[in-house]
Each structure stands twice: as C-alpha cells, then as structure tokens.
Amino acid sequence: MGEVVATIKIMPESPDIDMSKLKNKIRSSIPESAELYKIEEEPVAFGLIALNIMVIVDDAAGGTENVEENLSKIEGVSNIEVTDLRRLI
C-alpha cells in the first residue's frame, strides 16, 4: 500500500498537566511501526491546551490503531481523536 500521515488531537485531563512530561510520554509511546513527525500545542479554553501530533504510519500495518491504543494508555490523557489522515506521495 503506502504511508499515511495522521494528525491526532490529544486532550489532557486538566490544565494542570505538565505539558513537557506529557510530550515526553507521547514520544516514548510511539510504536516502532510509526514515526513521530511533530507535536504542536493548541490552546482550547480556560488554560487547557490540546496537543496535535503528526505521525507517519504504514496503512497496510493497521494504520493508526497501534498509535491510538498506546496514546490512550498514557496517564493524564483524557481522550484522543484522529482529526486528519492523508496519503503520502
């Protein structure tokens, strides 16, 4: 098949979460089958900051399922959502 780049929005449980620690946990939880491209902060409201991460995965290997599963297990993460998925050319 091919590679895709997925944008995943990660919502922390509260505005009190240490974002640098959360980013480190995200970096270490990306499976070997995926490549972390970048992490961006997105202010939401009332001090809450969401993280938008971009990962490159092989769509034949189950797509973003492994990445989503690992991210949802991180302590301090409220929910995750794939917001964009595009095929790399």
N, C-alpha and C. Protein backbone atom coordinates (compact mmCIF):
# COMPACT_ATOMS: atom_id res chain seq x y z
N MET A 1 0.83 -1.19 0.00
CA MET A 1 0.00 0.00 0.00
C MET A 1 0.87 1.25 0.00
N GLY A 2 0.95 1.96 1.15
CA GLY A 2 1.74 3.17 1.23
C GLY A 2 1.75 3.74 2.62
N GLU A 3 2.36 4.90 2.73
CA GLU A 3 2.42 5.56 4.03
C GLU A 3 1.39 6.67 4.09
N VAL A 4 0.89 6.90 5.30
CA VAL A 4 -0.05 7.99 5.53
C VAL A 4 0.46 8.83 6.69
N VAL A 5 0.09 10.10 6.69
CA VAL A 5 0.38 10.98 7.82
C VAL A 5 -0.95 11.24 8.52
N ALA A 6 -0.96 10.98 9.81
CA ALA A 6 -2.17 11.16 10.61
C ALA A 6 -1.95 12.27 11.62
N THR A 7 -2.94 13.12 11.77
CA THR A 7 -2.93 14.14 12.81
C THR A 7 -3.87 13.66 13.90
N ILE A 8 -3.34 13.58 15.12
CA ILE A 8 -4.12 13.08 16.25
C ILE A 8 -4.15 14.16 17.32
N LYS A 9 -5.36 14.51 17.76
CA LYS A 9 -5.54 15.50 18.83
C LYS A 9 -5.61 14.77 20.16
N ILE A 10 -4.76 15.20 21.09
CA ILE A 10 -4.71 14.60 22.42
C ILE A 10 -5.18 15.64 23.42
N MET A 11 -6.22 15.30 24.17
CA MET A 11 -6.75 16.21 25.18
C MET A 11 -6.29 15.74 26.56
N PRO A 12 -5.59 16.59 27.30
CA PRO A 12 -5.20 16.23 28.66
C PRO A 12 -6.39 16.27 29.61
N GLU A 13 -6.25 15.61 30.76
CA GLU A 13 -7.34 15.56 31.73
C GLU A 13 -7.65 16.91 32.36
N SER A 14 -6.61 17.76 32.51
CA SER A 14 -6.84 19.06 33.14
C SER A 14 -5.77 20.05 32.66
N PRO A 15 -5.99 21.33 32.92
CA PRO A 15 -4.99 22.33 32.54
C PRO A 15 -3.73 22.25 33.41
N ASP A 16 -3.79 21.48 34.49
CA ASP A 16 -2.66 21.38 35.41
C ASP A 16 -1.62 20.34 34.99
N ILE A 17 -1.86 19.64 33.91
CA ILE A 17 -0.93 18.62 33.43
C ILE A 17 0.36 19.29 32.96
N ASP A 18 1.50 18.73 33.34
CA ASP A 18 2.80 19.23 32.89
C ASP A 18 2.98 18.82 31.42
N MET A 19 2.93 19.81 30.53
CA MET A 19 2.96 19.53 29.09
C MET A 19 4.29 18.93 28.64
N SER A 20 5.40 19.33 29.24
CA SER A 20 6.68 18.77 28.82
C SER A 20 6.77 17.29 29.18
N LYS A 21 6.24 16.91 30.33
CA LYS A 21 6.23 15.49 30.72
C LYS A 21 5.29 14.71 29.80
N LEU A 22 4.15 15.30 29.49
CA LEU A 22 3.20 14.64 28.61
C LEU A 22 3.80 14.44 27.22
N LYS A 23 4.51 15.43 26.71
CA LYS A 23 5.16 15.30 25.40
C LYS A 23 6.21 14.19 25.42
N ASN A 24 6.96 14.08 26.50
CA ASN A 24 7.96 13.02 26.62
C ASN A 24 7.30 11.64 26.65
N LYS A 25 6.16 11.53 27.37
CA LYS A 25 5.43 10.26 27.42
C LYS A 25 4.91 9.89 26.03
N ILE A 26 4.46 10.90 25.28
CA ILE A 26 3.96 10.66 23.92
C ILE A 26 5.10 10.16 23.04
N ARG A 27 6.24 10.83 23.10
CA ARG A 27 7.39 10.41 22.29
C ARG A 27 7.79 8.97 22.58
N SER A 28 7.78 8.59 23.84
CA SER A 28 8.21 7.24 24.21
C SER A 28 7.15 6.18 23.94
N SER A 29 5.90 6.59 23.72
CA SER A 29 4.85 5.60 23.49
C SER A 29 4.56 5.34 22.01
N ILE A 30 5.22 6.05 21.13
CA ILE A 30 5.02 5.82 19.69
C ILE A 30 5.65 4.48 19.33
N PRO A 31 4.87 3.56 18.74
CA PRO A 31 5.43 2.24 18.40
C PRO A 31 6.48 2.34 17.29
N GLU A 32 7.28 1.30 17.17
CA GLU A 32 8.34 1.27 16.16
C GLU A 32 7.79 1.31 14.74
N SER A 33 6.55 0.89 14.56
CA SER A 33 5.95 0.88 13.23
C SER A 33 5.51 2.27 12.77
N ALA A 34 5.67 3.27 13.64
CA ALA A 34 5.27 4.64 13.31
C ALA A 34 6.42 5.60 13.57
N GLU A 35 6.34 6.76 12.93
CA GLU A 35 7.36 7.80 13.11
C GLU A 35 6.67 9.08 13.55
N LEU A 36 7.09 9.63 14.68
CA LEU A 36 6.55 10.89 15.15
C LEU A 36 7.16 12.01 14.33
N TYR A 37 6.30 12.79 13.67
CA TYR A 37 6.79 13.89 12.83
C TYR A 37 6.89 15.19 13.63
N LYS A 38 5.79 15.56 14.33
CA LYS A 38 5.86 16.78 15.16
C LYS A 38 4.73 16.80 16.17
N ILE A 39 4.92 17.64 17.17
CA ILE A 39 3.93 17.88 18.22
C ILE A 39 3.70 19.39 18.29
N GLU A 40 2.44 19.79 18.23
CA GLU A 40 2.09 21.21 18.32
C GLU A 40 1.06 21.41 19.43
N GLU A 41 1.17 22.53 20.13
CA GLU A 41 0.19 22.87 21.16
C GLU A 41 -0.93 23.71 20.55
N GLU A 42 -2.15 23.44 21.02
CA GLU A 42 -3.33 24.19 20.56
C GLU A 42 -4.13 24.64 21.77
N PRO A 43 -4.14 25.94 22.07
CA PRO A 43 -4.96 26.41 23.19
C PRO A 43 -6.44 26.13 22.92
N VAL A 44 -7.13 25.61 23.95
CA VAL A 44 -8.54 25.27 23.79
C VAL A 44 -9.40 26.31 24.51
N ALA A 45 -9.36 26.30 25.85
CA ALA A 45 -10.11 27.27 26.64
C ALA A 45 -9.74 27.13 28.11
N PHE A 46 -9.82 28.23 28.84
CA PHE A 46 -9.61 28.23 30.28
C PHE A 46 -8.29 27.57 30.69
N GLY A 47 -7.24 27.81 29.92
CA GLY A 47 -5.92 27.28 30.25
C GLY A 47 -5.66 25.87 29.76
N LEU A 48 -6.66 25.21 29.20
CA LEU A 48 -6.49 23.85 28.68
C LEU A 48 -5.80 23.91 27.32
N ILE A 49 -4.79 23.09 27.15
CA ILE A 49 -4.03 23.05 25.90
C ILE A 49 -4.07 21.63 25.35
N ALA A 50 -4.54 21.50 24.12
CA ALA A 50 -4.54 20.21 23.44
C ALA A 50 -3.22 20.07 22.69
N LEU A 51 -2.83 18.83 22.44
CA LEU A 51 -1.64 18.56 21.64
C LEU A 51 -2.08 17.93 20.33
N ASN A 52 -1.61 18.47 19.23
CA ASN A 52 -1.83 17.87 17.92
C ASN A 52 -0.51 17.23 17.51
N ILE A 53 -0.54 15.92 17.35
CA ILE A 53 0.68 15.24 16.92
C ILE A 53 0.49 14.72 15.51
N MET A 54 1.57 14.69 14.77
CA MET A 54 1.54 14.14 13.42
C MET A 54 2.46 12.93 13.40
N VAL A 55 1.91 11.80 12.97
CA VAL A 55 2.69 10.57 12.88
C VAL A 55 2.59 10.01 11.46
N ILE A 56 3.65 9.36 11.05
CA ILE A 56 3.68 8.71 9.75
C ILE A 56 3.62 7.21 10.00
N VAL A 57 2.61 6.56 9.39
CA VAL A 57 2.42 5.12 9.57
C VAL A 57 2.19 4.46 8.22
N ASP A 58 2.43 3.17 8.19
CA ASP A 58 2.16 2.37 7.01
C ASP A 58 0.70 1.93 7.08
N ASP A 59 -0.09 2.28 6.08
CA ASP A 59 -1.52 1.96 6.15
C ASP A 59 -1.80 0.47 6.03
N ALA A 60 -0.88 -0.32 5.53
CA ALA A 60 -1.08 -1.76 5.43
C ALA A 60 -0.92 -2.44 6.79
N ALA A 61 -0.23 -1.81 7.72
CA ALA A 61 0.04 -2.40 9.03
C ALA A 61 -1.01 -2.01 10.07
N GLY A 62 -2.23 -1.78 9.65
CA GLY A 62 -3.29 -1.43 10.59
C GLY A 62 -3.49 0.05 10.79
N GLY A 63 -2.78 0.86 10.04
CA GLY A 63 -2.95 2.30 10.13
C GLY A 63 -2.56 2.86 11.48
N THR A 64 -3.44 3.64 12.07
CA THR A 64 -3.12 4.33 13.32
C THR A 64 -3.57 3.58 14.56
N GLU A 65 -4.08 2.37 14.41
CA GLU A 65 -4.63 1.65 15.56
C GLU A 65 -3.62 1.47 16.69
N ASN A 66 -2.40 1.03 16.39
CA ASN A 66 -1.39 0.83 17.43
C ASN A 66 -1.03 2.14 18.11
N VAL A 67 -0.91 3.20 17.33
CA VAL A 67 -0.57 4.51 17.88
C VAL A 67 -1.69 4.98 18.81
N GLU A 68 -2.93 4.89 18.35
CA GLU A 68 -4.06 5.32 19.16
C GLU A 68 -4.15 4.53 20.46
N GLU A 69 -3.95 3.23 20.38
CA GLU A 69 -4.01 2.38 21.56
C GLU A 69 -2.94 2.79 22.59
N ASN A 70 -1.71 3.02 22.13
CA ASN A 70 -0.64 3.41 23.03
C ASN A 70 -0.89 4.79 23.64
N LEU A 71 -1.38 5.73 22.84
CA LEU A 71 -1.63 7.08 23.35
C LEU A 71 -2.75 7.10 24.39
N SER A 72 -3.76 6.27 24.19
CA SER A 72 -4.89 6.27 25.13
C SER A 72 -4.50 5.69 26.49
N LYS A 73 -3.38 4.97 26.57
CA LYS A 73 -2.92 4.39 27.83
C LYS A 73 -2.07 5.36 28.66
N ILE A 74 -1.72 6.50 28.12
CA ILE A 74 -0.86 7.46 28.82
C ILE A 74 -1.64 8.10 29.96
N GLU A 75 -1.01 8.14 31.13
CA GLU A 75 -1.61 8.77 32.29
C GLU A 75 -1.72 10.28 32.05
N GLY A 76 -2.89 10.83 32.32
CA GLY A 76 -3.11 12.25 32.13
C GLY A 76 -3.81 12.60 30.84
N VAL A 77 -4.04 11.60 29.98
CA VAL A 77 -4.74 11.83 28.70
C VAL A 77 -6.22 11.54 28.88
N SER A 78 -7.04 12.52 28.56
CA SER A 78 -8.49 12.37 28.68
C SER A 78 -9.05 11.61 27.48
N ASN A 79 -8.74 12.08 26.27
CA ASN A 79 -9.17 11.37 25.06
C ASN A 79 -8.29 11.75 23.89
N ILE A 80 -8.39 10.93 22.84
CA ILE A 80 -7.64 11.19 21.61
C ILE A 80 -8.60 11.09 20.44
N GLU A 81 -8.25 11.79 19.37
CA GLU A 81 -9.10 11.78 18.17
C GLU A 81 -8.23 11.99 16.94
N VAL A 82 -8.39 11.12 15.96
CA VAL A 82 -7.72 11.32 14.68
C VAL A 82 -8.50 12.39 13.94
N THR A 83 -7.84 13.52 13.67
CA THR A 83 -8.54 14.65 13.05
C THR A 83 -8.23 14.77 11.56
N ASP A 84 -7.16 14.13 11.09
CA ASP A 84 -6.81 14.21 9.68
C ASP A 84 -5.97 13.00 9.29
N LEU A 85 -6.17 12.52 8.09
CA LEU A 85 -5.43 11.37 7.58
C LEU A 85 -5.20 11.59 6.09
N ARG A 86 -3.90 11.60 5.70
CA ARG A 86 -3.58 11.86 4.30
C ARG A 86 -2.50 10.90 3.81
N ARG A 87 -2.64 10.47 2.59
CA ARG A 87 -1.66 9.57 1.98
C ARG A 87 -0.43 10.39 1.54
N LEU A 88 0.75 9.85 1.84
CA LEU A 88 1.98 10.49 1.40
C LEU A 88 2.30 10.07 -0.03
N ILE A 89 2.78 10.99 -0.80
CA ILE A 89 3.12 10.68 -2.20
C ILE A 89 4.62 10.72 -2.36
